Amino acid sequence: VHLIRLSSGGTELICEGLFSHPNEIWDLASCPFDQRIFSTVFSTGESYGAAIWQIPELYGQLNSPQLERIASLDAHVAKINCVLWWPSGRHDKLLSIDDENIFLWTLDCSKKAAQVQSKESSGMLHYLSGGAWDPHDMNAVATTCESSVQFWDLRTMKKTNAIERAHIRNANYDMKKSHILVRI
């Protein structure tokens, strides 16, 4: 994992640290409220896992100490695809999505623990591949599955709507305008 900073002039990338991750990384997402915390989804060769990591203080070193594992998201039995952080501000909730389920976690960085708050299955006919948390509504998430989009209410962990045959691989919400979802 490389810690890279954009120069103040915006024209140069500066490597501020290089860290060894124990497994092959399939997804990486940064924490919106602490630049030293991030999540990874990884493969061990035999299975998939997800964890929350903290970059140690560098004190001017380039060859840095090991990443500190804050928590493991180990409730999954299917292939994990991504971890979603609440998009803005300090928040203790995050989501993990595997092929069949969506998990809502409570993260406590000080205790180095993450606990499943709730879980729901996407149903037998859908394989979840990713998603986006609505920055305007902390209880709304859109998940992508095959060629459709499913919308979820996290208070009930139930699907509220779906767009079938959307021909979508990934999605993200517009941070400035409500109810705008961009598809890729």
N, C-alpha and C. Protein backbone atom coordinates (compact mmCIF):
# COMPACT_ATOMS: atom_id res chain seq x y z
N VAL A 1 0.86 -1.16 0.00
CA VAL A 1 0.00 0.00 0.00
C VAL A 1 0.90 1.22 0.00
N HIS A 2 0.69 2.11 -0.96
CA HIS A 2 1.47 3.35 -1.05
C HIS A 2 0.66 4.51 -0.50
N LEU A 3 1.28 5.30 0.35
CA LEU A 3 0.67 6.54 0.84
C LEU A 3 1.21 7.66 -0.04
N ILE A 4 0.32 8.23 -0.87
CA ILE A 4 0.74 9.23 -1.86
C ILE A 4 0.05 10.55 -1.56
N ARG A 5 0.82 11.63 -1.66
CA ARG A 5 0.30 12.98 -1.46
C ARG A 5 0.50 13.77 -2.74
N LEU A 6 -0.48 14.59 -3.08
CA LEU A 6 -0.38 15.50 -4.22
C LEU A 6 0.34 16.76 -3.74
N SER A 7 1.34 17.21 -4.48
CA SER A 7 2.11 18.39 -4.08
C SER A 7 1.21 19.61 -3.98
N SER A 8 1.66 20.61 -3.25
CA SER A 8 0.85 21.82 -3.06
C SER A 8 0.54 22.52 -4.38
N GLY A 9 1.42 22.38 -5.37
CA GLY A 9 1.16 22.96 -6.68
C GLY A 9 0.22 22.12 -7.53
N GLY A 10 -0.04 20.89 -7.07
CA GLY A 10 -0.96 20.00 -7.79
C GLY A 10 -0.38 19.37 -9.03
N THR A 11 0.95 19.38 -9.17
CA THR A 11 1.56 18.84 -10.39
C THR A 11 2.43 17.62 -10.15
N GLU A 12 2.59 17.23 -8.89
CA GLU A 12 3.51 16.14 -8.59
C GLU A 12 2.93 15.23 -7.52
N LEU A 13 3.15 13.92 -7.69
CA LEU A 13 2.75 12.94 -6.68
C LEU A 13 3.98 12.59 -5.86
N ILE A 14 3.83 12.60 -4.53
CA ILE A 14 4.94 12.33 -3.63
C ILE A 14 4.59 11.11 -2.79
N CYS A 15 5.44 10.09 -2.83
CA CYS A 15 5.23 8.89 -2.02
C CYS A 15 5.73 9.17 -0.61
N GLU A 16 4.81 9.13 0.35
CA GLU A 16 5.17 9.41 1.74
C GLU A 16 5.32 8.17 2.58
N GLY A 17 4.96 7.02 2.04
CA GLY A 17 5.12 5.79 2.80
C GLY A 17 4.77 4.58 1.96
N LEU A 18 5.38 3.47 2.29
CA LEU A 18 5.15 2.21 1.60
C LEU A 18 4.93 1.15 2.68
N PHE A 19 3.79 0.46 2.61
CA PHE A 19 3.41 -0.49 3.65
C PHE A 19 3.10 -1.84 3.04
N SER A 20 3.48 -2.87 3.73
CA SER A 20 3.20 -4.23 3.28
C SER A 20 1.81 -4.66 3.76
N HIS A 21 1.03 -5.18 2.83
CA HIS A 21 -0.29 -5.75 3.17
C HIS A 21 -0.14 -7.26 3.06
N PRO A 22 -0.69 -8.02 3.99
CA PRO A 22 -0.44 -9.47 4.01
C PRO A 22 -1.06 -10.26 2.86
N ASN A 23 -2.00 -9.67 2.12
CA ASN A 23 -2.70 -10.42 1.07
C ASN A 23 -2.90 -9.56 -0.17
N GLU A 24 -3.37 -10.21 -1.23
CA GLU A 24 -3.67 -9.52 -2.48
C GLU A 24 -4.93 -8.66 -2.31
N ILE A 25 -4.83 -7.37 -2.59
CA ILE A 25 -5.93 -6.43 -2.38
C ILE A 25 -6.83 -6.38 -3.61
N TRP A 26 -8.16 -6.52 -3.38
CA TRP A 26 -9.15 -6.46 -4.45
C TRP A 26 -9.97 -5.18 -4.40
N ASP A 27 -10.03 -4.52 -3.25
CA ASP A 27 -10.76 -3.27 -3.11
C ASP A 27 -10.12 -2.50 -1.97
N LEU A 28 -10.02 -1.19 -2.13
CA LEU A 28 -9.45 -0.32 -1.11
C LEU A 28 -10.31 0.93 -1.04
N ALA A 29 -10.67 1.34 0.18
CA ALA A 29 -11.50 2.54 0.36
C ALA A 29 -11.00 3.33 1.56
N SER A 30 -10.90 4.63 1.39
CA SER A 30 -10.39 5.47 2.48
C SER A 30 -11.52 5.93 3.40
N CYS A 31 -11.17 6.11 4.64
CA CYS A 31 -12.10 6.60 5.65
C CYS A 31 -12.29 8.10 5.45
N PRO A 32 -13.52 8.59 5.42
CA PRO A 32 -13.74 10.01 5.16
C PRO A 32 -13.39 10.93 6.33
N PHE A 33 -13.25 10.40 7.54
CA PHE A 33 -12.99 11.27 8.68
C PHE A 33 -11.59 11.14 9.27
N ASP A 34 -10.79 10.19 8.80
CA ASP A 34 -9.42 10.03 9.29
C ASP A 34 -8.56 9.54 8.13
N GLN A 35 -7.65 10.38 7.67
CA GLN A 35 -6.83 10.05 6.50
C GLN A 35 -5.88 8.89 6.74
N ARG A 36 -5.70 8.47 7.98
CA ARG A 36 -4.81 7.36 8.28
C ARG A 36 -5.53 6.02 8.34
N ILE A 37 -6.86 6.01 8.17
CA ILE A 37 -7.65 4.78 8.25
C ILE A 37 -8.22 4.45 6.88
N PHE A 38 -8.20 3.15 6.53
CA PHE A 38 -8.78 2.69 5.26
C PHE A 38 -9.21 1.24 5.40
N SER A 39 -9.97 0.78 4.43
CA SER A 39 -10.41 -0.62 4.42
C SER A 39 -9.85 -1.31 3.20
N THR A 40 -9.67 -2.62 3.33
CA THR A 40 -9.30 -3.43 2.18
C THR A 40 -10.19 -4.67 2.12
N VAL A 41 -10.47 -5.09 0.90
CA VAL A 41 -11.03 -6.41 0.63
C VAL A 41 -9.89 -7.16 -0.03
N PHE A 42 -9.64 -8.37 0.44
CA PHE A 42 -8.45 -9.08 -0.03
C PHE A 42 -8.73 -10.56 -0.24
N SER A 43 -7.82 -11.19 -0.95
CA SER A 43 -7.88 -12.63 -1.19
C SER A 43 -6.66 -13.27 -0.54
N THR A 44 -6.91 -14.37 0.15
CA THR A 44 -5.81 -15.13 0.74
C THR A 44 -5.36 -16.24 -0.21
N GLY A 45 -6.00 -16.33 -1.35
CA GLY A 45 -5.74 -17.42 -2.28
C GLY A 45 -6.81 -18.50 -2.16
N GLU A 46 -7.31 -18.70 -0.95
CA GLU A 46 -8.35 -19.70 -0.70
C GLU A 46 -9.69 -19.07 -0.36
N SER A 47 -9.66 -17.87 0.20
CA SER A 47 -10.88 -17.20 0.60
C SER A 47 -10.70 -15.69 0.51
N TYR A 48 -11.80 -14.98 0.75
CA TYR A 48 -11.78 -13.52 0.74
C TYR A 48 -12.00 -13.00 2.15
N GLY A 49 -11.46 -11.83 2.43
CA GLY A 49 -11.65 -11.21 3.72
C GLY A 49 -11.70 -9.71 3.56
N ALA A 50 -12.02 -9.02 4.65
CA ALA A 50 -12.03 -7.56 4.66
C ALA A 50 -11.55 -7.12 6.04
N ALA A 51 -10.85 -6.00 6.05
CA ALA A 51 -10.32 -5.48 7.30
C ALA A 51 -10.22 -3.96 7.24
N ILE A 52 -10.17 -3.37 8.42
CA ILE A 52 -9.96 -1.93 8.58
C ILE A 52 -8.54 -1.77 9.11
N TRP A 53 -7.78 -0.86 8.49
CA TRP A 53 -6.37 -0.67 8.81
C TRP A 53 -6.09 0.78 9.19
N GLN A 54 -5.00 0.95 9.94
CA GLN A 54 -4.53 2.29 10.27
C GLN A 54 -3.06 2.40 9.88
N ILE A 55 -2.73 3.50 9.22
CA ILE A 55 -1.35 3.78 8.86
C ILE A 55 -0.65 4.32 10.10
N PRO A 56 0.48 3.73 10.49
CA PRO A 56 1.19 4.23 11.67
C PRO A 56 1.82 5.60 11.42
N GLU A 57 2.14 6.31 12.48
CA GLU A 57 2.85 7.59 12.35
C GLU A 57 4.19 7.33 11.69
N LEU A 58 4.56 8.18 10.73
CA LEU A 58 5.77 7.94 9.94
C LEU A 58 7.01 8.60 10.52
N TYR A 59 6.86 9.75 11.14
CA TYR A 59 7.98 10.49 11.72
C TYR A 59 9.12 10.66 10.71
N GLY A 60 8.77 11.00 9.45
CA GLY A 60 9.75 11.27 8.42
C GLY A 60 10.36 10.06 7.75
N GLN A 61 9.96 8.86 8.14
CA GLN A 61 10.51 7.64 7.53
C GLN A 61 9.77 7.32 6.24
N LEU A 62 10.48 6.77 5.26
CA LEU A 62 9.83 6.30 4.04
C LEU A 62 9.52 4.81 4.18
N ASN A 63 10.48 4.05 4.68
CA ASN A 63 10.24 2.63 4.93
C ASN A 63 9.57 2.54 6.29
N SER A 64 8.32 2.27 6.29
CA SER A 64 7.47 2.44 7.45
C SER A 64 7.25 1.13 8.18
N PRO A 65 6.82 1.24 9.43
CA PRO A 65 6.42 0.04 10.16
C PRO A 65 5.17 -0.57 9.53
N GLN A 66 4.77 -1.71 10.03
CA GLN A 66 3.62 -2.43 9.48
C GLN A 66 2.32 -1.66 9.69
N LEU A 67 1.37 -1.91 8.81
CA LEU A 67 0.02 -1.40 8.99
C LEU A 67 -0.57 -2.00 10.26
N GLU A 68 -1.39 -1.25 10.93
CA GLU A 68 -2.05 -1.74 12.14
C GLU A 68 -3.48 -2.14 11.80
N ARG A 69 -3.82 -3.38 12.04
CA ARG A 69 -5.18 -3.86 11.77
C ARG A 69 -6.08 -3.40 12.92
N ILE A 70 -7.09 -2.60 12.58
CA ILE A 70 -8.03 -2.11 13.59
C ILE A 70 -9.11 -3.15 13.84
N ALA A 71 -9.65 -3.71 12.76
CA ALA A 71 -10.74 -4.68 12.90
C ALA A 71 -10.82 -5.55 11.66
N SER A 72 -11.32 -6.75 11.85
CA SER A 72 -11.60 -7.66 10.74
C SER A 72 -13.11 -7.73 10.55
N LEU A 73 -13.52 -7.71 9.31
CA LEU A 73 -14.95 -7.85 8.98
C LEU A 73 -15.16 -9.31 8.57
N ASP A 74 -15.20 -10.17 9.56
CA ASP A 74 -15.13 -11.61 9.30
C ASP A 74 -16.45 -12.36 9.42
N ALA A 75 -17.58 -11.69 9.29
CA ALA A 75 -18.88 -12.36 9.36
C ALA A 75 -19.32 -12.94 8.02
N HIS A 76 -18.57 -12.65 6.97
CA HIS A 76 -18.95 -13.09 5.62
C HIS A 76 -18.62 -14.56 5.39
N VAL A 77 -19.48 -15.23 4.62
CA VAL A 77 -19.18 -16.59 4.17
C VAL A 77 -19.06 -16.63 2.64
N ALA A 78 -19.58 -15.61 1.96
CA ALA A 78 -19.48 -15.52 0.50
C ALA A 78 -18.33 -14.56 0.14
N LYS A 79 -18.03 -14.46 -1.13
CA LYS A 79 -16.95 -13.59 -1.62
C LYS A 79 -17.30 -12.12 -1.36
N ILE A 80 -16.46 -11.44 -0.59
CA ILE A 80 -16.68 -10.03 -0.28
C ILE A 80 -16.27 -9.20 -1.49
N ASN A 81 -17.09 -8.20 -1.83
CA ASN A 81 -16.81 -7.37 -3.00
C ASN A 81 -16.33 -5.97 -2.65
N CYS A 82 -16.89 -5.36 -1.60
CA CYS A 82 -16.48 -4.00 -1.27
C CYS A 82 -16.89 -3.62 0.13
N VAL A 83 -16.26 -2.54 0.61
CA VAL A 83 -16.61 -1.91 1.88
C VAL A 83 -16.97 -0.47 1.56
N LEU A 84 -18.08 0.01 2.12
CA LEU A 84 -18.53 1.38 1.90
C LEU A 84 -18.51 2.14 3.22
N TRP A 85 -17.90 3.31 3.20
CA TRP A 85 -17.87 4.21 4.35
C TRP A 85 -18.97 5.24 4.18
N TRP A 86 -19.57 5.67 5.31
CA TRP A 86 -20.50 6.79 5.26
C TRP A 86 -19.73 7.94 4.62
N PRO A 87 -20.23 8.56 3.55
CA PRO A 87 -19.43 9.43 2.69
C PRO A 87 -18.92 10.74 3.27
N SER A 88 -19.48 11.24 4.35
CA SER A 88 -18.98 12.53 4.85
C SER A 88 -19.12 12.61 6.36
N GLY A 89 -18.20 13.32 6.96
CA GLY A 89 -18.25 13.53 8.41
C GLY A 89 -17.86 12.31 9.20
N ARG A 90 -17.79 12.48 10.49
CA ARG A 90 -17.40 11.39 11.38
C ARG A 90 -18.62 10.51 11.66
N HIS A 91 -18.48 9.23 11.39
CA HIS A 91 -19.59 8.30 11.55
C HIS A 91 -19.02 6.93 11.88
N ASP A 92 -19.69 6.18 12.74
CA ASP A 92 -19.17 4.89 13.16
C ASP A 92 -19.76 3.71 12.39
N LYS A 93 -20.49 3.98 11.32
CA LYS A 93 -21.11 2.91 10.54
C LYS A 93 -20.37 2.71 9.21
N LEU A 94 -20.31 1.45 8.79
CA LEU A 94 -19.84 1.13 7.46
C LEU A 94 -20.56 -0.10 6.97
N LEU A 95 -20.51 -0.31 5.66
CA LEU A 95 -21.19 -1.44 5.03
C LEU A 95 -20.16 -2.33 4.36
N SER A 96 -20.45 -3.61 4.34
CA SER A 96 -19.68 -4.52 3.51
C SER A 96 -20.68 -5.32 2.68
N ILE A 97 -20.29 -5.57 1.46
CA ILE A 97 -21.18 -6.24 0.51
C ILE A 97 -20.47 -7.47 -0.03
N ASP A 98 -21.11 -8.63 0.10
CA ASP A 98 -20.58 -9.82 -0.55
C ASP A 98 -21.54 -10.23 -1.67
N ASP A 99 -21.30 -11.37 -2.28
CA ASP A 99 -22.12 -11.80 -3.41
C ASP A 99 -23.61 -11.86 -3.08
N GLU A 100 -23.95 -12.18 -1.83
CA GLU A 100 -25.33 -12.45 -1.48
C GLU A 100 -25.91 -11.57 -0.39
N ASN A 101 -25.06 -10.84 0.35
CA ASN A 101 -25.52 -10.14 1.55
C ASN A 101 -24.97 -8.74 1.66
N ILE A 102 -25.70 -7.92 2.41
CA ILE A 102 -25.24 -6.59 2.77
C ILE A 102 -25.19 -6.56 4.30
N PHE A 103 -24.04 -6.13 4.84
CA PHE A 103 -23.83 -6.07 6.29
C PHE A 103 -23.67 -4.62 6.71
N LEU A 104 -24.34 -4.23 7.78
CA LEU A 104 -24.15 -2.92 8.39
C LEU A 104 -23.34 -3.15 9.66
N TRP A 105 -22.19 -2.48 9.75
CA TRP A 105 -21.25 -2.65 10.86
C TRP A 105 -21.19 -1.39 11.71
N THR A 106 -20.90 -1.56 12.99
CA THR A 106 -20.55 -0.48 13.88
C THR A 106 -19.07 -0.61 14.16
N LEU A 107 -18.32 0.45 13.89
CA LEU A 107 -16.87 0.44 14.05
C LEU A 107 -16.48 1.27 15.28
N ASP A 108 -15.66 0.69 16.13
CA ASP A 108 -15.12 1.40 17.29
C ASP A 108 -13.60 1.34 17.17
N CYS A 109 -13.00 2.42 16.64
CA CYS A 109 -11.56 2.45 16.42
C CYS A 109 -10.77 2.39 17.73
N SER A 110 -11.29 3.01 18.78
CA SER A 110 -10.57 3.02 20.06
C SER A 110 -10.48 1.62 20.67
N LYS A 111 -11.52 0.80 20.48
CA LYS A 111 -11.51 -0.57 21.01
C LYS A 111 -11.00 -1.58 19.98
N LYS A 112 -10.70 -1.09 18.77
CA LYS A 112 -10.24 -1.94 17.67
C LYS A 112 -11.21 -3.09 17.44
N ALA A 113 -12.47 -2.71 17.21
CA ALA A 113 -13.51 -3.72 17.02
C ALA A 113 -14.56 -3.24 16.04
N ALA A 114 -15.13 -4.19 15.32
CA ALA A 114 -16.27 -3.95 14.43
C ALA A 114 -17.29 -5.04 14.70
N GLN A 115 -18.55 -4.64 14.86
CA GLN A 115 -19.60 -5.60 15.11
C GLN A 115 -20.71 -5.45 14.09
N VAL A 116 -21.27 -6.58 13.67
CA VAL A 116 -22.40 -6.57 12.75
C VAL A 116 -23.61 -6.02 13.50
N GLN A 117 -24.17 -4.96 12.95
CA GLN A 117 -25.39 -4.38 13.52
C GLN A 117 -26.61 -5.04 12.90
N SER A 118 -26.56 -5.28 11.58
CA SER A 118 -27.63 -5.98 10.89
C SER A 118 -27.12 -6.53 9.56
N LYS A 119 -27.90 -7.47 9.02
CA LYS A 119 -27.52 -8.16 7.78
C LYS A 119 -28.78 -8.49 7.02
N GLU A 120 -28.69 -8.44 5.69
CA GLU A 120 -29.82 -8.85 4.87
C GLU A 120 -29.32 -9.50 3.59
N SER A 121 -30.07 -10.46 3.10
CA SER A 121 -29.73 -11.17 1.87
C SER A 121 -30.36 -10.47 0.68
N SER A 122 -29.66 -10.52 -0.46
CA SER A 122 -30.16 -9.89 -1.67
C SER A 122 -31.21 -10.75 -2.37
N GLY A 123 -31.31 -12.00 -1.99
CA GLY A 123 -32.25 -12.91 -2.64
C GLY A 123 -31.51 -13.88 -3.53
N MET A 124 -32.15 -14.96 -3.85
CA MET A 124 -31.51 -16.05 -4.59
C MET A 124 -31.12 -15.68 -6.01
N LEU A 125 -31.80 -14.76 -6.64
CA LEU A 125 -31.58 -14.49 -8.05
C LEU A 125 -30.56 -13.39 -8.32
N HIS A 126 -30.03 -12.75 -7.28
CA HIS A 126 -29.14 -11.63 -7.49
C HIS A 126 -27.79 -11.86 -6.83
N TYR A 127 -26.72 -11.44 -7.51
CA TYR A 127 -25.37 -11.48 -6.96
C TYR A 127 -24.86 -10.05 -6.88
N LEU A 128 -24.73 -9.55 -5.67
CA LEU A 128 -24.29 -8.18 -5.47
C LEU A 128 -22.84 -8.01 -5.89
N SER A 129 -22.53 -6.88 -6.52
CA SER A 129 -21.15 -6.64 -6.96
C SER A 129 -20.56 -5.36 -6.36
N GLY A 130 -21.39 -4.43 -5.92
CA GLY A 130 -20.88 -3.18 -5.37
C GLY A 130 -22.02 -2.31 -4.90
N GLY A 131 -21.69 -1.05 -4.62
CA GLY A 131 -22.74 -0.17 -4.16
C GLY A 131 -22.25 1.23 -3.85
N ALA A 132 -23.18 2.07 -3.44
CA ALA A 132 -22.87 3.45 -3.08
C ALA A 132 -23.82 3.88 -1.98
N TRP A 133 -23.26 4.57 -0.99
CA TRP A 133 -24.05 5.09 0.13
C TRP A 133 -24.50 6.49 -0.25
N ASP A 134 -25.78 6.78 -0.10
CA ASP A 134 -26.33 8.08 -0.46
C ASP A 134 -25.81 9.13 0.54
N PRO A 135 -25.04 10.13 0.09
CA PRO A 135 -24.49 11.13 1.01
C PRO A 135 -25.53 12.07 1.60
N HIS A 136 -26.74 12.05 1.05
CA HIS A 136 -27.81 12.93 1.52
C HIS A 136 -28.76 12.22 2.48
N ASP A 137 -28.63 10.90 2.57
CA ASP A 137 -29.51 10.12 3.44
C ASP A 137 -28.73 8.95 4.01
N MET A 138 -28.36 9.03 5.28
CA MET A 138 -27.53 7.99 5.88
C MET A 138 -28.22 6.63 5.96
N ASN A 139 -29.51 6.58 5.68
CA ASN A 139 -30.25 5.32 5.72
C ASN A 139 -30.49 4.73 4.34
N ALA A 140 -29.90 5.31 3.29
CA ALA A 140 -30.16 4.83 1.92
C ALA A 140 -28.86 4.39 1.24
N VAL A 141 -28.93 3.21 0.64
CA VAL A 141 -27.80 2.65 -0.10
C VAL A 141 -28.32 2.06 -1.40
N ALA A 142 -27.53 2.24 -2.45
CA ALA A 142 -27.83 1.59 -3.73
C ALA A 142 -26.79 0.49 -3.93
N THR A 143 -27.24 -0.70 -4.29
CA THR A 143 -26.31 -1.78 -4.60
C THR A 143 -26.46 -2.16 -6.07
N THR A 144 -25.35 -2.58 -6.65
CA THR A 144 -25.38 -3.05 -8.03
C THR A 144 -25.36 -4.57 -8.00
N CYS A 145 -26.14 -5.16 -8.89
CA CYS A 145 -26.17 -6.61 -8.98
C CYS A 145 -26.49 -6.99 -10.42
N GLU A 146 -25.52 -7.66 -11.03
CA GLU A 146 -25.62 -8.02 -12.43
C GLU A 146 -25.95 -6.80 -13.26
N SER A 147 -27.12 -6.68 -13.82
CA SER A 147 -27.42 -5.50 -14.64
C SER A 147 -28.49 -4.62 -14.01
N SER A 148 -28.69 -4.73 -12.69
CA SER A 148 -29.72 -3.92 -12.05
C SER A 148 -29.16 -3.16 -10.85
N VAL A 149 -29.97 -2.25 -10.35
CA VAL A 149 -29.64 -1.48 -9.15
C VAL A 149 -30.74 -1.73 -8.14
N GLN A 150 -30.34 -2.01 -6.90
CA GLN A 150 -31.31 -2.20 -5.82
C GLN A 150 -31.09 -1.09 -4.80
N PHE A 151 -32.19 -0.53 -4.31
CA PHE A 151 -32.12 0.52 -3.30
C PHE A 151 -32.57 -0.06 -1.96
N TRP A 152 -31.82 0.26 -0.91
CA TRP A 152 -32.05 -0.32 0.41
C TRP A 152 -32.29 0.78 1.44
N ASP A 153 -33.15 0.48 2.41
CA ASP A 153 -33.35 1.31 3.59
C ASP A 153 -32.62 0.60 4.74
N LEU A 154 -31.57 1.22 5.28
CA LEU A 154 -30.76 0.58 6.30
C LEU A 154 -31.45 0.49 7.66
N ARG A 155 -32.52 1.24 7.87
CA ARG A 155 -33.26 1.13 9.13
C ARG A 155 -33.96 -0.20 9.23
N THR A 156 -34.46 -0.69 8.10
CA THR A 156 -35.17 -1.96 8.08
C THR A 156 -34.36 -3.07 7.40
N MET A 157 -33.28 -2.68 6.72
CA MET A 157 -32.46 -3.59 5.93
C MET A 157 -33.30 -4.30 4.86
N LYS A 158 -34.21 -3.57 4.27
CA LYS A 158 -35.07 -4.11 3.22
C LYS A 158 -34.89 -3.30 1.94
N LYS A 159 -35.09 -3.98 0.81
CA LYS A 159 -35.06 -3.31 -0.48
C LYS A 159 -36.30 -2.43 -0.60
N THR A 160 -36.10 -1.21 -1.07
CA THR A 160 -37.22 -0.29 -1.23
C THR A 160 -37.62 -0.14 -2.69
N ASN A 161 -36.68 -0.38 -3.60
CA ASN A 161 -36.96 -0.20 -5.02
C ASN A 161 -35.84 -0.87 -5.81
N ALA A 162 -36.05 -1.02 -7.09
CA ALA A 162 -35.03 -1.59 -7.97
C ALA A 162 -35.23 -1.07 -9.38
N ILE A 163 -34.14 -0.96 -10.09
CA ILE A 163 -34.18 -0.64 -11.52
C ILE A 163 -33.59 -1.84 -12.23
N GLU A 164 -34.42 -2.59 -12.91
CA GLU A 164 -33.98 -3.79 -13.64
C GLU A 164 -33.42 -3.40 -15.00
N ARG A 165 -32.56 -4.22 -15.52
CA ARG A 165 -31.93 -4.05 -16.84
C ARG A 165 -31.33 -2.64 -16.97
N ALA A 166 -30.62 -2.21 -15.95
CA ALA A 166 -29.99 -0.88 -15.96
C ALA A 166 -28.64 -0.90 -16.66
N HIS A 167 -28.13 -2.10 -16.96
CA HIS A 167 -26.83 -2.26 -17.61
C HIS A 167 -25.77 -1.45 -16.85
N ILE A 168 -25.57 -1.84 -15.61
CA ILE A 168 -24.71 -1.08 -14.70
C ILE A 168 -23.64 -1.98 -14.11
N ARG A 169 -22.44 -1.45 -13.98
CA ARG A 169 -21.34 -2.18 -13.34
C ARG A 169 -21.01 -1.59 -11.97
N ASN A 170 -21.15 -0.27 -11.86
CA ASN A 170 -20.88 0.41 -10.61
C ASN A 170 -21.68 1.71 -10.58
N ALA A 171 -21.82 2.29 -9.39
CA ALA A 171 -22.61 3.51 -9.26
C ALA A 171 -22.04 4.39 -8.17
N ASN A 172 -22.38 5.67 -8.24
CA ASN A 172 -22.01 6.61 -7.20
C ASN A 172 -23.04 7.73 -7.18
N TYR A 173 -23.25 8.30 -6.01
CA TYR A 173 -24.19 9.41 -5.87
C TYR A 173 -23.49 10.74 -6.11
N ASP A 174 -24.25 11.71 -6.58
CA ASP A 174 -23.77 13.08 -6.71
C ASP A 174 -23.74 13.69 -5.32
N MET A 175 -22.59 14.22 -4.91
CA MET A 175 -22.44 14.79 -3.57
C MET A 175 -23.20 16.10 -3.39
N LYS A 176 -23.49 16.79 -4.50
CA LYS A 176 -24.10 18.12 -4.40
C LYS A 176 -25.60 18.12 -4.61
N LYS A 177 -26.11 17.14 -5.34
CA LYS A 177 -27.54 17.12 -5.65
C LYS A 177 -28.16 15.83 -5.13
N SER A 178 -29.29 15.97 -4.47
CA SER A 178 -30.01 14.81 -3.95
C SER A 178 -30.64 14.01 -5.08
N HIS A 179 -30.76 12.72 -4.87
CA HIS A 179 -31.47 11.79 -5.75
C HIS A 179 -30.83 11.66 -7.13
N ILE A 180 -29.53 11.94 -7.25
CA ILE A 180 -28.84 11.77 -8.53
C ILE A 180 -27.83 10.64 -8.35
N LEU A 181 -28.01 9.58 -9.12
CA LEU A 181 -27.14 8.41 -9.09
C LEU A 181 -26.46 8.31 -10.44
N VAL A 182 -25.15 8.22 -10.43
CA VAL A 182 -24.37 8.10 -11.67
C VAL A 182 -24.02 6.63 -11.85
N ARG A 183 -24.24 6.11 -13.04
CA ARG A 183 -23.93 4.70 -13.29
C ARG A 183 -22.72 4.60 -14.20
N ILE A 184 -22.01 3.53 -14.00
CA ILE A 184 -20.82 3.26 -14.82
C ILE A 184 -21.02 1.92 -15.51
